[in-house]
C-alpha cells in the first residue's frame, strides 16, 4: 500500500517558501548575498518537470518576493524564466549531457539574460535598477558553488 505524498510535498513547499522569504529578506539588506535567481530558475525547471505543483507555487511566490525586494517590475523574472525554459533550455539540454554542467550554464545564462533585460529596461524607461557587472559576476560565482551541490 502506498502512502499519499501530497502532505509531504505541501510541507516541503511551505518550508521552501519560508526559507526563501527569510533569505530574501536578509539578501535585500546586504548586497553581498545573491538573490538566488539562478537557483530559483533551476528549481523552477525541476518542479515543472516533476509536476510538483506546490513546489512550483513556492518558487513563483519566491520569484515575486525577489522582484518585490529588489524593486523590479512584477512578472519580469517570471517572464524571463518562461522565455528561457521555452526557447533556450531544450537547446542546451541537446548540447550538454551532464546535469551539473547544464546547471552551471543555466545559472550563467539566467544572470546574463537578467542583466541584459535590466539594461534594456533602464534604457527604455530611464530607471537605474541594473546592478554593477562586478556584482553580477560575484552572484554568478556564489550561485555556481551552490548549484554544484544542489
C-alpha atoms as a PDB file:
ATOM      1  CA  UNK A   1       0.000   0.000   0.000  1.00  0.00           C
ATOM      2  CA  UNK A   2       1.388   3.388  -0.991  1.00  0.00           C
ATOM      3  CA  UNK A   3       1.139   6.491   1.147  1.00  0.00           C
ATOM      4  CA  UNK A   4      -0.114   9.789  -0.158  1.00  0.00           C
ATOM      5  CA  UNK A   5       2.781  12.192  -0.664  1.00  0.00           C
ATOM      6  CA  UNK A   6       0.622  15.317  -1.003  1.00  0.00           C
ATOM      7  CA  UNK A   7       1.167  16.313   2.610  1.00  0.00           C
ATOM      8  CA  UNK A   8       4.912  15.823   2.281  1.00  0.00           C
ATOM      9  CA  UNK A   9       5.042  17.942  -0.903  1.00  0.00           C
ATOM     10  CA  UNK A  10       2.967  20.662   0.751  1.00  0.00           C
ATOM     11  CA  UNK A  11       5.214  20.728   3.807  1.00  0.00           C
ATOM     12  CA  UNK A  12       8.390  20.836   1.696  1.00  0.00           C
ATOM     13  CA  UNK A  13       6.961  23.650  -0.434  1.00  0.00           C
ATOM     14  CA  UNK A  14       5.980  25.600   2.673  1.00  0.00           C
ATOM     15  CA  UNK A  15       9.448  25.180   4.196  1.00  0.00           C
ATOM     16  CA  UNK A  16      10.999  26.209   0.854  1.00  0.00           C
ATOM     17  CA  UNK A  17       8.899  29.365   0.731  1.00  0.00           C
ATOM     18  CA  UNK A  18       9.631  30.279   4.355  1.00  0.00           C
ATOM     19  CA  UNK A  19      13.336  29.701   3.717  1.00  0.00           C
ATOM     20  CA  UNK A  20      13.235  31.863   0.591  1.00  0.00           C
ATOM     21  CA  UNK A  21      11.328  34.559   2.473  1.00  0.00           C
ATOM     22  CA  UNK A  22      13.863  34.695   5.295  1.00  0.00           C
ATOM     23  CA  UNK A  23      16.822  34.573   2.932  1.00  0.00           C
ATOM     24  CA  UNK A  24      15.449  37.211   0.550  1.00  0.00           C
ATOM     25  CA  UNK A  25      14.718  39.491   3.482  1.00  0.00           C
ATOM     26  CA  UNK A  26      18.356  39.189   4.542  1.00  0.00           C
ATOM     27  CA  UNK A  27      19.627  39.498   0.957  1.00  0.00           C
ATOM     28  CA  UNK A  28      17.725  42.738   0.466  1.00  0.00           C
ATOM     29  CA  UNK A  29      19.634  44.233   3.407  1.00  0.00           C
ATOM     30  CA  UNK A  30      23.109  43.009   2.434  1.00  0.00           C
ATOM     31  CA  UNK A  31      24.379  43.411  -1.121  1.00  0.00           C
ATOM     32  CA  UNK A  32      26.845  40.539  -0.717  1.00  0.00           C
ATOM     33  CA  UNK A  33      24.083  37.921  -0.518  1.00  0.00           C
ATOM     34  CA  UNK A  34      22.946  36.887  -4.013  1.00  0.00           C
ATOM     35  CA  UNK A  35      19.199  36.966  -4.743  1.00  0.00           C
ATOM     36  CA  UNK A  36      19.226  33.295  -5.861  1.00  0.00           C
ATOM     37  CA  UNK A  37      17.754  33.965  -9.286  1.00  0.00           C
ATOM     38  CA  UNK A  38      19.776  31.127 -10.832  1.00  0.00           C
ATOM     39  CA  UNK A  39      18.890  28.678  -8.060  1.00  0.00           C
ATOM     40  CA  UNK A  40      15.216  29.607  -8.367  1.00  0.00           C
ATOM     41  CA  UNK A  41      15.411  29.011 -12.123  1.00  0.00           C
ATOM     42  CA  UNK A  42      16.861  25.536 -11.612  1.00  0.00           C
ATOM     43  CA  UNK A  43      14.176  24.718  -9.039  1.00  0.00           C
ATOM     44  CA  UNK A  44      11.575  26.194 -11.433  1.00  0.00           C
ATOM     45  CA  UNK A  45      12.733  23.740 -14.113  1.00  0.00           C
ATOM     46  CA  UNK A  46      12.866  20.828 -11.669  1.00  0.00           C
ATOM     47  CA  UNK A  47       9.396  21.379 -10.230  1.00  0.00           C
ATOM     48  CA  UNK A  48       7.957  21.920 -13.706  1.00  0.00           C
ATOM     49  CA  UNK A  49       9.470  18.644 -14.914  1.00  0.00           C
ATOM     50  CA  UNK A  50       8.303  16.713 -11.838  1.00  0.00           C
ATOM     51  CA  UNK A  51       4.790  18.274 -11.932  1.00  0.00           C
ATOM     52  CA  UNK A  52       5.229  19.312  -8.309  1.00  0.00           C
ATOM     53  CA  UNK A  53       2.520  21.971  -8.101  1.00  0.00           C
ATOM     54  CA  UNK A  54       3.223  23.033  -4.521  1.00  0.00           C
ATOM     55  CA  UNK A  55       6.961  23.403  -5.098  1.00  0.00           C
ATOM     56  CA  UNK A  56       6.265  25.281  -8.322  1.00  0.00           C
ATOM     57  CA  UNK A  57       3.939  27.680  -6.496  1.00  0.00           C
ATOM     58  CA  UNK A  58       6.532  28.185  -3.757  1.00  0.00           C
ATOM     59  CA  UNK A  59       9.094  29.151  -6.393  1.00  0.00           C
ATOM     60  CA  UNK A  60       6.626  31.520  -8.068  1.00  0.00           C
ATOM     61  CA  UNK A  61       5.982  33.217  -4.722  1.00  0.00           C
ATOM     62  CA  UNK A  62       9.718  33.304  -4.121  1.00  0.00           C
ATOM     63  CA  UNK A  63      10.265  34.954  -7.504  1.00  0.00           C
ATOM     64  CA  UNK A  64       7.580  37.526  -6.698  1.00  0.00           C
ATOM     65  CA  UNK A  65       9.374  38.134  -3.419  1.00  0.00           C
ATOM     66  CA  UNK A  66      12.694  38.625  -5.253  1.00  0.00           C
ATOM     67  CA  UNK A  67      11.028  41.151  -7.521  1.00  0.00           C
ATOM     68  CA  UNK A  68       9.441  42.992  -4.613  1.00  0.00           C
ATOM     69  CA  UNK A  69      12.626  43.082  -2.524  1.00  0.00           C
ATOM     70  CA  UNK A  70      14.758  44.353  -5.437  1.00  0.00           C
ATOM     71  CA  UNK A  71      12.237  46.924  -6.754  1.00  0.00           C
ATOM     72  CA  UNK A  72      11.764  45.115 -10.067  1.00  0.00           C
ATOM     73  CA  UNK A  73       8.571  45.246 -12.129  1.00  0.00           C
ATOM     74  CA  UNK A  74       6.225  42.427 -11.170  1.00  0.00           C
ATOM     75  CA  UNK A  75       6.469  39.485 -13.552  1.00  0.00           C
ATOM     76  CA  UNK A  76       9.839  40.416 -15.045  1.00  0.00           C
ATOM     77  CA  UNK A  77      11.776  37.480 -13.585  1.00  0.00           C
ATOM     78  CA  UNK A  78       8.888  35.066 -14.155  1.00  0.00           C
ATOM     79  CA  UNK A  79       8.725  36.187 -17.793  1.00  0.00           C
ATOM     80  CA  UNK A  80      12.468  35.626 -18.084  1.00  0.00           C
ATOM     81  CA  UNK A  81      12.074  32.142 -16.600  1.00  0.00           C
ATOM     82  CA  UNK A  82       9.313  31.296 -19.066  1.00  0.00           C
ATOM     83  CA  UNK A  83      11.304  32.597 -22.029  1.00  0.00           C
ATOM     84  CA  UNK A  84      14.406  30.656 -21.044  1.00  0.00           C
ATOM     85  CA  UNK A  85      12.513  27.446 -20.283  1.00  0.00           C
ATOM     86  CA  UNK A  86      10.519  27.503 -23.522  1.00  0.00           C
ATOM     87  CA  UNK A  87      13.170  28.611 -26.006  1.00  0.00           C
ATOM     88  CA  UNK A  88      16.647  28.061 -24.582  1.00  0.00           C
ATOM     89  CA  UNK A  89      16.722  25.137 -22.133  1.00  0.00           C
ATOM     90  CA  UNK A  90      15.726  22.498 -24.687  1.00  0.00           C
ATOM     91  CA  UNK A  91      18.601  23.549 -26.936  1.00  0.00           C
ATOM     92  CA  UNK A  92      21.067  23.478 -24.044  1.00  0.00           C
ATOM     93  CA  UNK A  93      19.888  20.018 -22.994  1.00  0.00           C
ATOM     94  CA  UNK A  94      20.620  18.740 -26.503  1.00  0.00           C
ATOM     95  CA  UNK A  95      24.188  20.049 -26.368  1.00  0.00           C
ATOM     96  CA  UNK A  96      25.083  19.235 -22.754  1.00  0.00           C
ATOM     97  CA  UNK A  97      24.677  15.734 -21.432  1.00  0.00           C
ATOM     98  CA  UNK A  98      25.765  16.174 -17.815  1.00  0.00           C
ATOM     99  CA  UNK A  99      23.363  17.676 -15.310  1.00  0.00           C
ATOM    100  CA  UNK A 100      25.954  19.612 -13.286  1.00  0.00           C
ATOM    101  CA  UNK A 101      27.387  21.321 -16.338  1.00  0.00           C
ATOM    102  CA  UNK A 102      23.892  22.182 -17.519  1.00  0.00           C
ATOM    103  CA  UNK A 103      23.058  23.679 -14.110  1.00  0.00           C
ATOM    104  CA  UNK A 104      26.177  25.850 -14.234  1.00  0.00           C
ATOM    105  CA  UNK A 105      25.231  27.029 -17.716  1.00  0.00           C
ATOM    106  CA  UNK A 106      21.667  27.731 -16.519  1.00  0.00           C
ATOM    107  CA  UNK A 107      22.939  29.968 -13.705  1.00  0.00           C
ATOM    108  CA  UNK A 108      25.231  31.880 -16.049  1.00  0.00           C
ATOM    109  CA  UNK A 109      22.519  32.146 -18.692  1.00  0.00           C
ATOM    110  CA  UNK A 110      19.939  33.335 -16.176  1.00  0.00           C
ATOM    111  CA  UNK A 111      22.108  36.101 -14.786  1.00  0.00           C
ATOM    112  CA  UNK A 112      23.409  37.240 -18.190  1.00  0.00           C
ATOM    113  CA  UNK A 113      19.839  37.357 -19.538  1.00  0.00           C
ATOM    114  CA  UNK A 114      18.682  39.118 -16.393  1.00  0.00           C
ATOM    115  CA  UNK A 115      21.434  41.726 -16.719  1.00  0.00           C
ATOM    116  CA  UNK A 116      20.646  42.321 -20.404  1.00  0.00           C
ATOM    117  CA  UNK A 117      16.925  42.591 -19.655  1.00  0.00           C
ATOM    118  CA  UNK A 118      17.535  45.110 -16.856  1.00  0.00           C
ATOM    119  CA  UNK A 119      19.889  47.114 -19.079  1.00  0.00           C
ATOM    120  CA  UNK A 120      17.234  47.290 -21.791  1.00  0.00           C
ATOM    121  CA  UNK A 121      14.621  48.228 -19.214  1.00  0.00           C
ATOM    122  CA  UNK A 122      16.882  51.012 -17.947  1.00  0.00           C
ATOM    123  CA  UNK A 123      17.483  52.285 -21.469  1.00  0.00           C
ATOM    124  CA  UNK A 124      13.795  52.407 -22.382  1.00  0.00           C
ATOM    125  CA  UNK A 125      12.339  53.559 -19.058  1.00  0.00           C
ATOM    126  CA  UNK A 126      15.149  55.769 -17.842  1.00  0.00           C
ATOM    127  CA  UNK A 127      15.448  53.985 -14.498  1.00  0.00           C
ATOM    128  CA  UNK A 128      18.580  52.842 -12.693  1.00  0.00           C
ATOM    129  CA  UNK A 129      17.884  49.321 -11.441  1.00  0.00           C
ATOM    130  CA  UNK A 130      20.710  47.497 -13.236  1.00  0.00           C
ATOM    131  CA  UNK A 131      23.365  46.298 -10.772  1.00  0.00           C
ATOM    132  CA  UNK A 132      27.083  46.594 -11.387  1.00  0.00           C
ATOM    133  CA  UNK A 133      28.543  43.958 -13.673  1.00  0.00           C
ATOM    134  CA  UNK A 134      31.023  43.013 -10.942  1.00  0.00           C
ATOM    135  CA  UNK A 135      28.195  42.297  -8.519  1.00  0.00           C
ATOM    136  CA  UNK A 136      26.555  40.119 -11.167  1.00  0.00           C
ATOM    137  CA  UNK A 137      29.818  38.167 -11.633  1.00  0.00           C
ATOM    138  CA  UNK A 138      30.037  37.763  -7.862  1.00  0.00           C
ATOM    139  CA  UNK A 139      26.437  36.482  -7.723  1.00  0.00           C
ATOM    140  CA  UNK A 140      27.145  34.049 -10.561  1.00  0.00           C
ATOM    141  CA  UNK A 141      30.201  32.622  -8.831  1.00  0.00           C
ATOM    142  CA  UNK A 142      28.409  32.188  -5.486  1.00  0.00           C
ATOM    143  CA  UNK A 143      25.385  30.553  -7.081  1.00  0.00           C
ATOM    144  CA  UNK A 144      27.544  28.230  -9.169  1.00  0.00           C
ATOM    145  CA  UNK A 145      29.090  26.961  -5.955  1.00  0.00           C
ATOM    146  CA  UNK A 146      25.613  26.401  -4.510  1.00  0.00           C
ATOM    147  CA  UNK A 147      24.236  24.734  -7.643  1.00  0.00           C
ATOM    148  CA  UNK A 148      27.115  22.287  -7.868  1.00  0.00           C
ATOM    149  CA  UNK A 149      25.972  20.760  -4.584  1.00  0.00           C
ATOM    150  CA  UNK A 150      22.212  21.086  -5.217  1.00  0.00           C
END
